[in-house]
Amino acid sequence: MRNILPPVILWIASLAAGIAAATASENPLQQGWDNLDGFLFNEAHTSFSRATGFSGSAERERKLGEAVTLLNVQPRTGGNISRATALLQELADAKISDDTDTFARFFLARTLEMHQAPADLAKARAIYLDLLESRPGTPLAEYGASKIALIDLYDNIPAAEFARRVGELEKLEPLLKTSQGRREFHANIGIACAEQDGPPDIMLRHLLAADKEGFTQWQTESIVWVLIADAAEKGGDKELARQYYQKFTGKYKRDNRYYTIQERLKRLTADQ
């Protein structure tokens, strides 16, 4: 279920394209960003890797484009991952505070977490945290908070340790200035609770907080509504359970869970 949240590639397509738009109306790298926006990764990589004659911010942008596309070029190889990691590390080491730096650090952390074998979760977490603290109010930086939640909570840990880690994660909440950042953060904690048999009260609190921000992906919304209703029912809050079962059946009539949820709702109503 970790994959039900908006794929990070959507951030690449929408936010990375903004880098090109911000630099010049006739950006010579625009074709690469356009290909990336269309999920044409191999074509985008060709555009970025073969471009020459750049310097300064334009060359940094080109290296970012090359690195990001290398992570998605097919077939995926260890050499491509190593090259992407080196490019992203070079950009991050330059310590130039701009959009390219934000993207480079985020994707460096993501590469260390998800693409490198073996993963370096400690370093990835440190980069996500530094980015969150240094770029407040930046959606991509705030998305890192939800990634930290995944790193911390998807582990074989006892319930008491799970609750302790959630308590530490909750200290990050004041850093989340955007609705997107808060939504992804709370949703990841709540869903992790559901999957890892974490404390029900923590699960319910965070899923309700995520729902309050509003979902943009129907898949996530439908799953979270069912999880909220189920947790509320098990916790004895039948009114909250009814509310969320009704929300689900009212909106997702074609979902393959519809009739099961409808039966749960009938049972709750009959118990009144």
C-alpha atoms as a PDB file:
ATOM      1  CA  MET A   1       0.000   0.000   0.000  1.00  0.00           C
ATOM      2  CA  ARG A   2       3.003   2.280   0.204  1.00  0.00           C
ATOM      3  CA  ASN A   3       2.534   3.023  -3.499  1.00  0.00           C
ATOM      4  CA  ILE A   4      -0.996   4.429  -3.302  1.00  0.00           C
ATOM      5  CA  LEU A   5       0.236   7.934  -2.612  1.00  0.00           C
ATOM      6  CA  PRO A   6       0.899  10.160  -5.640  1.00  0.00           C
ATOM      7  CA  PRO A   7       3.875   8.746  -7.556  1.00  0.00           C
ATOM      8  CA  VAL A   8       6.892  10.972  -7.145  1.00  0.00           C
ATOM      9  CA  ILE A   9       7.296  10.992 -10.920  1.00  0.00           C
ATOM     10  CA  LEU A  10       4.310  13.350 -11.007  1.00  0.00           C
ATOM     11  CA  TRP A  11       6.423  15.792  -9.013  1.00  0.00           C
ATOM     12  CA  ILE A  12       9.150  15.428 -11.607  1.00  0.00           C
ATOM     13  CA  ALA A  13       6.810  16.180 -14.477  1.00  0.00           C
ATOM     14  CA  SER A  14       5.104  19.180 -12.904  1.00  0.00           C
ATOM     15  CA  LEU A  15       7.780  20.755 -10.734  1.00  0.00           C
ATOM     16  CA  ALA A  16      10.943  20.039 -12.696  1.00  0.00           C
ATOM     17  CA  ALA A  17       9.358  21.482 -15.813  1.00  0.00           C
ATOM     18  CA  GLY A  18       8.974  24.694 -13.841  1.00  0.00           C
ATOM     19  CA  ILE A  19      12.740  25.042 -13.656  1.00  0.00           C
ATOM     20  CA  ALA A  20      12.922  25.308 -17.415  1.00  0.00           C
ATOM     21  CA  ALA A  21      10.014  27.731 -17.565  1.00  0.00           C
ATOM     22  CA  ALA A  22      11.633  29.967 -14.975  1.00  0.00           C
ATOM     23  CA  THR A  23      14.988  30.262 -16.734  1.00  0.00           C
ATOM     24  CA  ALA A  24      14.036  31.578 -20.160  1.00  0.00           C
ATOM     25  CA  SER A  25      11.165  31.698 -22.607  1.00  0.00           C
ATOM     26  CA  GLU A  26      13.353  29.987 -25.219  1.00  0.00           C
ATOM     27  CA  ASN A  27      15.018  27.411 -23.032  1.00  0.00           C
ATOM     28  CA  PRO A  28      17.371  25.233 -25.112  1.00  0.00           C
ATOM     29  CA  LEU A  29      16.664  22.354 -22.719  1.00  0.00           C
ATOM     30  CA  GLN A  30      12.906  22.672 -23.094  1.00  0.00           C
ATOM     31  CA  GLN A  31      12.617  19.607 -25.322  1.00  0.00           C
ATOM     32  CA  GLY A  32      14.105  17.481 -22.566  1.00  0.00           C
ATOM     33  CA  TRP A  33      11.615  18.796 -20.019  1.00  0.00           C
ATOM     34  CA  ASP A  34       8.741  18.357 -22.478  1.00  0.00           C
ATOM     35  CA  ASN A  35       9.731  14.731 -23.027  1.00  0.00           C
ATOM     36  CA  LEU A  36       9.972  14.220 -19.282  1.00  0.00           C
ATOM     37  CA  ASP A  37       6.545  15.788 -18.838  1.00  0.00           C
ATOM     38  CA  GLY A  38       5.261  13.185 -21.300  1.00  0.00           C
ATOM     39  CA  PHE A  39       7.029  10.343 -19.445  1.00  0.00           C
ATOM     40  CA  LEU A  40       9.320   9.779 -22.449  1.00  0.00           C
ATOM     41  CA  PHE A  41      12.315   9.040 -20.272  1.00  0.00           C
ATOM     42  CA  ASN A  42      14.698   7.649 -22.869  1.00  0.00           C
ATOM     43  CA  GLU A  43      14.046  10.552 -25.225  1.00  0.00           C
ATOM     44  CA  ALA A  44      14.407  13.050 -22.379  1.00  0.00           C
ATOM     45  CA  HIS A  45      17.708  11.490 -21.368  1.00  0.00           C
ATOM     46  CA  THR A  46      19.010  11.802 -24.907  1.00  0.00           C
ATOM     47  CA  SER A  47      18.101  15.508 -24.951  1.00  0.00           C
ATOM     48  CA  PHE A  48      19.921  16.231 -21.695  1.00  0.00           C
ATOM     49  CA  SER A  49      22.951  13.990 -22.128  1.00  0.00           C
ATOM     50  CA  ARG A  50      23.776  15.158 -25.652  1.00  0.00           C
ATOM     51  CA  ALA A  51      23.293  18.876 -25.002  1.00  0.00           C
ATOM     52  CA  THR A  52      26.591  20.779 -25.028  1.00  0.00           C
ATOM     53  CA  GLY A  53      27.953  24.270 -24.661  1.00  0.00           C
ATOM     54  CA  PHE A  54      26.314  25.172 -21.369  1.00  0.00           C
ATOM     55  CA  SER A  55      27.777  26.825 -18.285  1.00  0.00           C
ATOM     56  CA  GLY A  56      26.621  28.212 -14.971  1.00  0.00           C
ATOM     57  CA  SER A  57      22.985  27.662 -14.024  1.00  0.00           C
ATOM     58  CA  ALA A  58      22.124  26.238 -17.445  1.00  0.00           C
ATOM     59  CA  GLU A  59      24.763  23.512 -17.081  1.00  0.00           C
ATOM     60  CA  ARG A  60      23.498  22.728 -13.575  1.00  0.00           C
ATOM     61  CA  GLU A  61      19.995  22.414 -14.995  1.00  0.00           C
ATOM     62  CA  ARG A  62      21.287  20.112 -17.751  1.00  0.00           C
ATOM     63  CA  LYS A  63      23.031  17.876 -15.202  1.00  0.00           C
ATOM     64  CA  LEU A  64      19.857  17.700 -13.137  1.00  0.00           C
ATOM     65  CA  GLY A  65      17.869  16.655 -16.192  1.00  0.00           C
ATOM     66  CA  GLU A  66      20.443  14.024 -17.093  1.00  0.00           C
ATOM     67  CA  ALA A  67      20.476  12.625 -13.554  1.00  0.00           C
ATOM     68  CA  VAL A  68      16.699  12.470 -13.124  1.00  0.00           C
ATOM     69  CA  THR A  69      16.197  10.770 -16.482  1.00  0.00           C
ATOM     70  CA  LEU A  70      18.988   8.273 -15.797  1.00  0.00           C
ATOM     71  CA  LEU A  71      16.917   7.001 -12.877  1.00  0.00           C
ATOM     72  CA  ASN A  72      14.120   6.068 -15.277  1.00  0.00           C
ATOM     73  CA  VAL A  73      15.891   5.119 -18.501  1.00  0.00           C
ATOM     74  CA  GLN A  74      15.113   1.581 -19.631  1.00  0.00           C
ATOM     75  CA  PRO A  75      16.703  -0.821 -19.145  1.00  0.00           C
ATOM     76  CA  ARG A  76      17.700   0.354 -15.678  1.00  0.00           C
ATOM     77  CA  THR A  77      21.334  -0.442 -14.922  1.00  0.00           C
ATOM     78  CA  GLY A  78      23.738  -0.102 -12.027  1.00  0.00           C
ATOM     79  CA  GLY A  79      25.916   2.136 -14.183  1.00  0.00           C
ATOM     80  CA  ASN A  80      23.060   4.545 -14.792  1.00  0.00           C
ATOM     81  CA  ILE A  81      22.252   4.696 -11.086  1.00  0.00           C
ATOM     82  CA  SER A  82      25.910   5.364 -10.229  1.00  0.00           C
ATOM     83  CA  ARG A  83      26.148   8.126 -12.847  1.00  0.00           C
ATOM     84  CA  ALA A  84      22.912   9.716 -11.612  1.00  0.00           C
ATOM     85  CA  THR A  85      24.112   9.580  -8.005  1.00  0.00           C
ATOM     86  CA  ALA A  86      27.429  11.241  -8.915  1.00  0.00           C
ATOM     87  CA  LEU A  87      25.672  14.044 -10.811  1.00  0.00           C
ATOM     88  CA  LEU A  88      23.209  14.688  -7.999  1.00  0.00           C
ATOM     89  CA  GLN A  89      25.968  14.656  -5.373  1.00  0.00           C
ATOM     90  CA  GLU A  90      27.975  17.149  -7.438  1.00  0.00           C
ATOM     91  CA  LEU A  91      24.995  19.498  -7.650  1.00  0.00           C
ATOM     92  CA  ALA A  92      24.253  19.155  -3.936  1.00  0.00           C
ATOM     93  CA  ASP A  93      27.898  19.769  -3.001  1.00  0.00           C
ATOM     94  CA  ALA A  94      27.836  23.096  -4.847  1.00  0.00           C
ATOM     95  CA  LYS A  95      25.521  24.433  -2.104  1.00  0.00           C
ATOM     96  CA  ILE A  96      23.796  26.927  -4.394  1.00  0.00           C
ATOM     97  CA  SER A  97      20.398  27.769  -2.938  1.00  0.00           C
ATOM     98  CA  ASP A  98      18.050  27.527  -5.906  1.00  0.00           C
ATOM     99  CA  ASP A  99      15.421  25.221  -7.390  1.00  0.00           C
ATOM    100  CA  THR A 100      18.059  23.016  -8.994  1.00  0.00           C
ATOM    101  CA  ASP A 101      19.653  22.472  -5.583  1.00  0.00           C
ATOM    102  CA  THR A 102      16.276  21.524  -4.072  1.00  0.00           C
ATOM    103  CA  PHE A 103      15.599  18.973  -6.779  1.00  0.00           C
ATOM    104  CA  ALA A 104      19.137  17.617  -6.716  1.00  0.00           C
ATOM    105  CA  ARG A 105      19.126  17.028  -2.975  1.00  0.00           C
ATOM    106  CA  PHE A 106      15.672  15.475  -3.013  1.00  0.00           C
ATOM    107  CA  PHE A 107      16.523  13.049  -5.783  1.00  0.00           C
ATOM    108  CA  LEU A 108      19.883  12.271  -4.236  1.00  0.00           C
ATOM    109  CA  ALA A 109      18.059  11.205  -1.073  1.00  0.00           C
ATOM    110  CA  ARG A 110      15.505   9.270  -3.078  1.00  0.00           C
ATOM    111  CA  THR A 111      18.242   7.493  -5.023  1.00  0.00           C
ATOM    112  CA  LEU A 112      20.046   6.503  -1.831  1.00  0.00           C
ATOM    113  CA  GLU A 113      16.747   5.259  -0.401  1.00  0.00           C
ATOM    114  CA  MET A 114      15.183   3.488  -3.368  1.00  0.00           C
ATOM    115  CA  HIS A 115      17.664   2.909  -6.200  1.00  0.00           C
ATOM    116  CA  GLN A 116      21.035   2.229  -4.615  1.00  0.00           C
ATOM    117  CA  ALA A 117      21.892  -1.300  -3.519  1.00  0.00           C
ATOM    118  CA  PRO A 118      22.321  -1.561  -0.640  1.00  0.00           C
ATOM    119  CA  ALA A 119      20.213   1.429   0.347  1.00  0.00           C
ATOM    120  CA  ASP A 120      21.724   4.103   2.587  1.00  0.00           C
ATOM    121  CA  LEU A 121      18.643   4.987   4.608  1.00  0.00           C
ATOM    122  CA  ALA A 122      20.523   6.981   7.257  1.00  0.00           C
ATOM    123  CA  LYS A 123      22.063   9.334   4.704  1.00  0.00           C
ATOM    124  CA  ALA A 124      18.811   9.606   2.758  1.00  0.00           C
ATOM    125  CA  ARG A 125      16.918  10.514   5.931  1.00  0.00           C
ATOM    126  CA  ALA A 126      19.509  13.144   6.859  1.00  0.00           C
ATOM    127  CA  ILE A 127      19.181  14.794   3.439  1.00  0.00           C
ATOM    128  CA  TYR A 128      15.375  14.772   3.576  1.00  0.00           C
ATOM    129  CA  LEU A 129      15.485  16.352   7.038  1.00  0.00           C
ATOM    130  CA  ASP A 130      18.047  19.011   6.069  1.00  0.00           C
ATOM    131  CA  LEU A 131      16.000  19.886   2.993  1.00  0.00           C
ATOM    132  CA  LEU A 132      12.827  20.167   5.061  1.00  0.00           C
ATOM    133  CA  GLU A 133      14.519  22.453   7.572  1.00  0.00           C
ATOM    134  CA  SER A 134      16.339  24.612   5.019  1.00  0.00           C
ATOM    135  CA  ARG A 135      13.544  25.096   2.452  1.00  0.00           C
ATOM    136  CA  PRO A 136      10.369  25.720   4.499  1.00  0.00           C
ATOM    137  CA  GLY A 137       7.193  26.034   2.480  1.00  0.00           C
ATOM    138  CA  THR A 138       8.678  24.268  -0.560  1.00  0.00           C
ATOM    139  CA  PRO A 139       6.331  21.426  -1.618  1.00  0.00           C
ATOM    140  CA  LEU A 140       9.085  19.063  -2.752  1.00  0.00           C
ATOM    141  CA  ALA A 141      11.097  19.649   0.433  1.00  0.00           C
ATOM    142  CA  GLU A 142       7.988  19.021   2.529  1.00  0.00           C
ATOM    143  CA  TYR A 143       7.339  15.805   0.628  1.00  0.00           C
ATOM    144  CA  GLY A 144      10.570  14.654   2.243  1.00  0.00           C
ATOM    145  CA  ALA A 145       8.788  14.560   5.610  1.00  0.00           C
ATOM    146  CA  SER A 146       6.527  11.809   4.325  1.00  0.00           C
ATOM    147  CA  LYS A 147       9.592   9.959   3.065  1.00  0.00           C
ATOM    148  CA  ILE A 148      11.150  10.187   6.536  1.00  0.00           C
ATOM    149  CA  ALA A 149       7.955   8.641   7.925  1.00  0.00           C
ATOM    150  CA  LEU A 150       8.342   5.683   5.556  1.00  0.00           C
ATOM    151  CA  ILE A 151      11.980   5.184   6.528  1.00  0.00           C
ATOM    152  CA  ASP A 152      11.234   5.325  10.243  1.00  0.00           C
ATOM    153  CA  LEU A 153       8.033   3.276  10.400  1.00  0.00           C
ATOM    154  CA  TYR A 154       8.406   0.497   7.854  1.00  0.00           C
ATOM    155  CA  ASP A 155      10.537  -1.645  10.079  1.00  0.00           C
ATOM    156  CA  ASN A 156      10.100  -4.713  12.249  1.00  0.00           C
ATOM    157  CA  ILE A 157       9.609  -2.904  15.541  1.00  0.00           C
ATOM    158  CA  PRO A 158       7.382  -3.535  18.592  1.00  0.00           C
ATOM    159  CA  ALA A 159       4.301  -1.409  19.234  1.00  0.00           C
ATOM    160  CA  ALA A 160       5.933   0.702  21.936  1.00  0.00           C
ATOM    161  CA  GLU A 161       8.843   1.599  19.660  1.00  0.00           C
ATOM    162  CA  PHE A 162       6.440   2.347  16.819  1.00  0.00           C
ATOM    163  CA  ALA A 163       4.548   4.813  19.024  1.00  0.00           C
ATOM    164  CA  ARG A 164       7.814   6.398  20.172  1.00  0.00           C
ATOM    165  CA  ARG A 165       8.944   6.917  16.591  1.00  0.00           C
ATOM    166  CA  VAL A 166       5.625   8.468  15.656  1.00  0.00           C
ATOM    167  CA  GLY A 167       6.054  10.846  18.583  1.00  0.00           C
ATOM    168  CA  GLU A 168       9.431  11.903  17.213  1.00  0.00           C
ATOM    169  CA  LEU A 169       8.000  12.316  13.711  1.00  0.00           C
ATOM    170  CA  GLU A 170       5.216  14.524  15.040  1.00  0.00           C
ATOM    171  CA  LYS A 171       7.869  17.055  16.050  1.00  0.00           C
ATOM    172  CA  LEU A 172       8.257  17.762  12.320  1.00  0.00           C
ATOM    173  CA  GLU A 173       4.672  18.989  11.978  1.00  0.00           C
ATOM    174  CA  PRO A 174       5.469  22.691  12.653  1.00  0.00           C
ATOM    175  CA  LEU A 175       7.819  22.630   9.639  1.00  0.00           C
ATOM    176  CA  LEU A 176       4.992  21.674   7.271  1.00  0.00           C
ATOM    177  CA  LYS A 177       3.601  24.892   5.801  1.00  0.00           C
ATOM    178  CA  THR A 178       1.732  23.522   2.773  1.00  0.00           C
ATOM    179  CA  SER A 179      -1.440  21.493   2.568  1.00  0.00           C
ATOM    180  CA  GLN A 180       0.303  18.993   0.276  1.00  0.00           C
ATOM    181  CA  GLY A 181       3.118  18.455   2.745  1.00  0.00           C
ATOM    182  CA  ARG A 182       0.762  17.934   5.684  1.00  0.00           C
ATOM    183  CA  ARG A 183      -1.487  15.590   3.713  1.00  0.00           C
ATOM    184  CA  GLU A 184       1.297  13.269   2.537  1.00  0.00           C
ATOM    185  CA  PHE A 185       2.969  13.275   5.967  1.00  0.00           C
ATOM    186  CA  HIS A 186      -0.164  12.369   7.909  1.00  0.00           C
ATOM    187  CA  ALA A 187      -1.335   9.860   5.298  1.00  0.00           C
ATOM    188  CA  ASN A 188       1.979   8.001   5.336  1.00  0.00           C
ATOM    189  CA  ILE A 189       1.974   7.753   9.135  1.00  0.00           C
ATOM    190  CA  GLY A 190      -1.642   6.592   9.223  1.00  0.00           C
ATOM    191  CA  ILE A 191      -1.208   4.029   6.454  1.00  0.00           C
ATOM    192  CA  ALA A 192       1.996   2.751   8.071  1.00  0.00           C
ATOM    193  CA  CYS A 193       0.002   2.222  11.275  1.00  0.00           C
ATOM    194  CA  ALA A 194      -2.579   0.220   9.343  1.00  0.00           C
ATOM    195  CA  GLU A 195       0.022  -1.953   7.656  1.00  0.00           C
ATOM    196  CA  GLN A 196       2.342  -2.413  10.638  1.00  0.00           C
ATOM    197  CA  ASP A 197      -0.393  -3.032  13.227  1.00  0.00           C
ATOM    198  CA  GLY A 198       0.479   0.232  14.933  1.00  0.00           C
ATOM    199  CA  PRO A 199      -1.656   1.855  17.656  1.00  0.00           C
ATOM    200  CA  PRO A 200      -5.227   2.418  16.319  1.00  0.00           C
ATOM    201  CA  ASP A 201      -5.540   5.820  17.975  1.00  0.00           C
ATOM    202  CA  ILE A 202      -2.420   7.050  16.172  1.00  0.00           C
ATOM    203  CA  MET A 203      -3.686   5.661  12.879  1.00  0.00           C
ATOM    204  CA  LEU A 204      -7.063   7.336  13.231  1.00  0.00           C
ATOM    205  CA  ARG A 205      -5.608  10.681  14.312  1.00  0.00           C
ATOM    206  CA  HIS A 206      -3.257  10.925  11.362  1.00  0.00           C
ATOM    207  CA  LEU A 207      -5.683   9.645   8.743  1.00  0.00           C
ATOM    208  CA  LEU A 208      -8.265  12.191   9.873  1.00  0.00           C
ATOM    209  CA  ALA A 209      -5.627  14.917   9.694  1.00  0.00           C
ATOM    210  CA  ALA A 210      -4.739  13.832   6.151  1.00  0.00           C
ATOM    211  CA  ASP A 211      -8.375  13.784   5.086  1.00  0.00           C
ATOM    212  CA  LYS A 212      -8.853  17.273   6.509  1.00  0.00           C
ATOM    213  CA  GLU A 213      -6.298  18.565   3.990  1.00  0.00           C
ATOM    214  CA  GLY A 214      -8.209  16.965   1.105  1.00  0.00           C
ATOM    215  CA  PHE A 215      -6.936  14.342  -1.314  1.00  0.00           C
ATOM    216  CA  THR A 216      -6.165  14.924  -4.967  1.00  0.00           C
ATOM    217  CA  GLN A 217      -5.858  11.213  -5.840  1.00  0.00           C
ATOM    218  CA  TRP A 218      -9.108   9.248  -5.671  1.00  0.00           C
ATOM    219  CA  GLN A 219      -7.256   5.989  -5.040  1.00  0.00           C
ATOM    220  CA  THR A 220      -5.732   7.353  -1.858  1.00  0.00           C
ATOM    221  CA  GLU A 221      -8.936   9.013  -0.727  1.00  0.00           C
ATOM    222  CA  SER A 222     -11.017   5.864  -1.107  1.00  0.00           C
ATOM    223  CA  ILE A 223      -8.517   3.713   0.788  1.00  0.00           C
ATOM    224  CA  VAL A 224      -8.100   6.244   3.598  1.00  0.00           C
ATOM    225  CA  TRP A 225     -11.861   6.648   4.039  1.00  0.00           C
ATOM    226  CA  VAL A 226     -12.274   2.882   4.468  1.00  0.00           C
ATOM    227  CA  LEU A 227      -9.348   2.732   6.896  1.00  0.00           C
ATOM    228  CA  ILE A 228     -10.835   5.558   8.962  1.00  0.00           C
ATOM    229  CA  ALA A 229     -14.247   3.892   9.077  1.00  0.00           C
ATOM    230  CA  ASP A 230     -12.776   0.509   9.966  1.00  0.00           C
ATOM    231  CA  ALA A 231     -10.586   1.958  12.736  1.00  0.00           C
ATOM    232  CA  ALA A 232     -13.498   3.978  14.124  1.00  0.00           C
ATOM    233  CA  GLU A 233     -15.772   0.927  14.114  1.00  0.00           C
ATOM    234  CA  LYS A 234     -13.192  -1.211  15.913  1.00  0.00           C
ATOM    235  CA  GLY A 235     -12.652   1.596  18.422  1.00  0.00           C
ATOM    236  CA  GLY A 236     -16.349   1.832  19.198  1.00  0.00           C
ATOM    237  CA  ASP A 237     -17.011   5.165  17.470  1.00  0.00           C
ATOM    238  CA  LYS A 238     -19.925   3.953  15.384  1.00  0.00           C
ATOM    239  CA  GLU A 239     -21.031   7.432  14.366  1.00  0.00           C
ATOM    240  CA  LEU A 240     -17.640   8.256  12.840  1.00  0.00           C
ATOM    241  CA  ALA A 241     -17.572   4.841  11.169  1.00  0.00           C
ATOM    242  CA  ARG A 242     -21.016   5.447   9.645  1.00  0.00           C
ATOM    243  CA  GLN A 243     -19.949   8.878   8.461  1.00  0.00           C
ATOM    244  CA  TYR A 244     -16.980   7.543   6.528  1.00  0.00           C
ATOM    245  CA  TYR A 245     -18.718   4.451   5.189  1.00  0.00           C
ATOM    246  CA  GLN A 246     -21.421   6.795   3.870  1.00  0.00           C
ATOM    247  CA  LYS A 247     -18.820   9.070   2.308  1.00  0.00           C
ATOM    248  CA  PHE A 248     -17.328   6.052   0.539  1.00  0.00           C
ATOM    249  CA  THR A 249     -20.601   4.551  -0.707  1.00  0.00           C
ATOM    250  CA  GLY A 250     -21.847   7.951  -1.793  1.00  0.00           C
ATOM    251  CA  LYS A 251     -18.814   8.629  -4.012  1.00  0.00           C
ATOM    252  CA  TYR A 252     -17.312   5.281  -5.032  1.00  0.00           C
ATOM    253  CA  LYS A 253     -20.267   3.256  -6.295  1.00  0.00           C
ATOM    254  CA  ARG A 254     -18.116   1.509  -8.933  1.00  0.00           C
ATOM    255  CA  ASP A 255     -15.383   0.484  -6.525  1.00  0.00           C
ATOM    256  CA  ASN A 256     -15.091  -3.293  -6.109  1.00  0.00           C
ATOM    257  CA  ARG A 257     -15.363  -2.804  -2.335  1.00  0.00           C
ATOM    258  CA  TYR A 258     -18.701  -0.997  -2.629  1.00  0.00           C
ATOM    259  CA  TYR A 259     -21.023  -3.879  -1.703  1.00  0.00           C
ATOM    260  CA  THR A 260     -18.849  -5.011   1.199  1.00  0.00           C
ATOM    261  CA  ILE A 261     -18.799  -1.485   2.619  1.00  0.00           C
ATOM    262  CA  GLN A 262     -22.510  -1.135   2.006  1.00  0.00           C
ATOM    263  CA  GLU A 263     -23.137  -4.261   4.102  1.00  0.00           C
ATOM    264  CA  ARG A 264     -20.992  -2.874   6.910  1.00  0.00           C
ATOM    265  CA  LEU A 265     -22.983   0.340   6.799  1.00  0.00           C
ATOM    266  CA  LYS A 266     -26.290  -1.553   6.922  1.00  0.00           C
ATOM    267  CA  ARG A 267     -25.067  -3.494   9.935  1.00  0.00           C
ATOM    268  CA  LEU A 268     -24.073  -0.332  11.773  1.00  0.00           C
ATOM    269  CA  THR A 269     -27.381   1.322  10.965  1.00  0.00           C
ATOM    270  CA  ALA A 270     -29.308  -1.706  12.191  1.00  0.00           C
ATOM    271  CA  ASP A 271     -27.426  -1.573  15.495  1.00  0.00           C
ATOM    272  CA  GLN A 272     -28.741   1.911  16.292  1.00  0.00           C
END
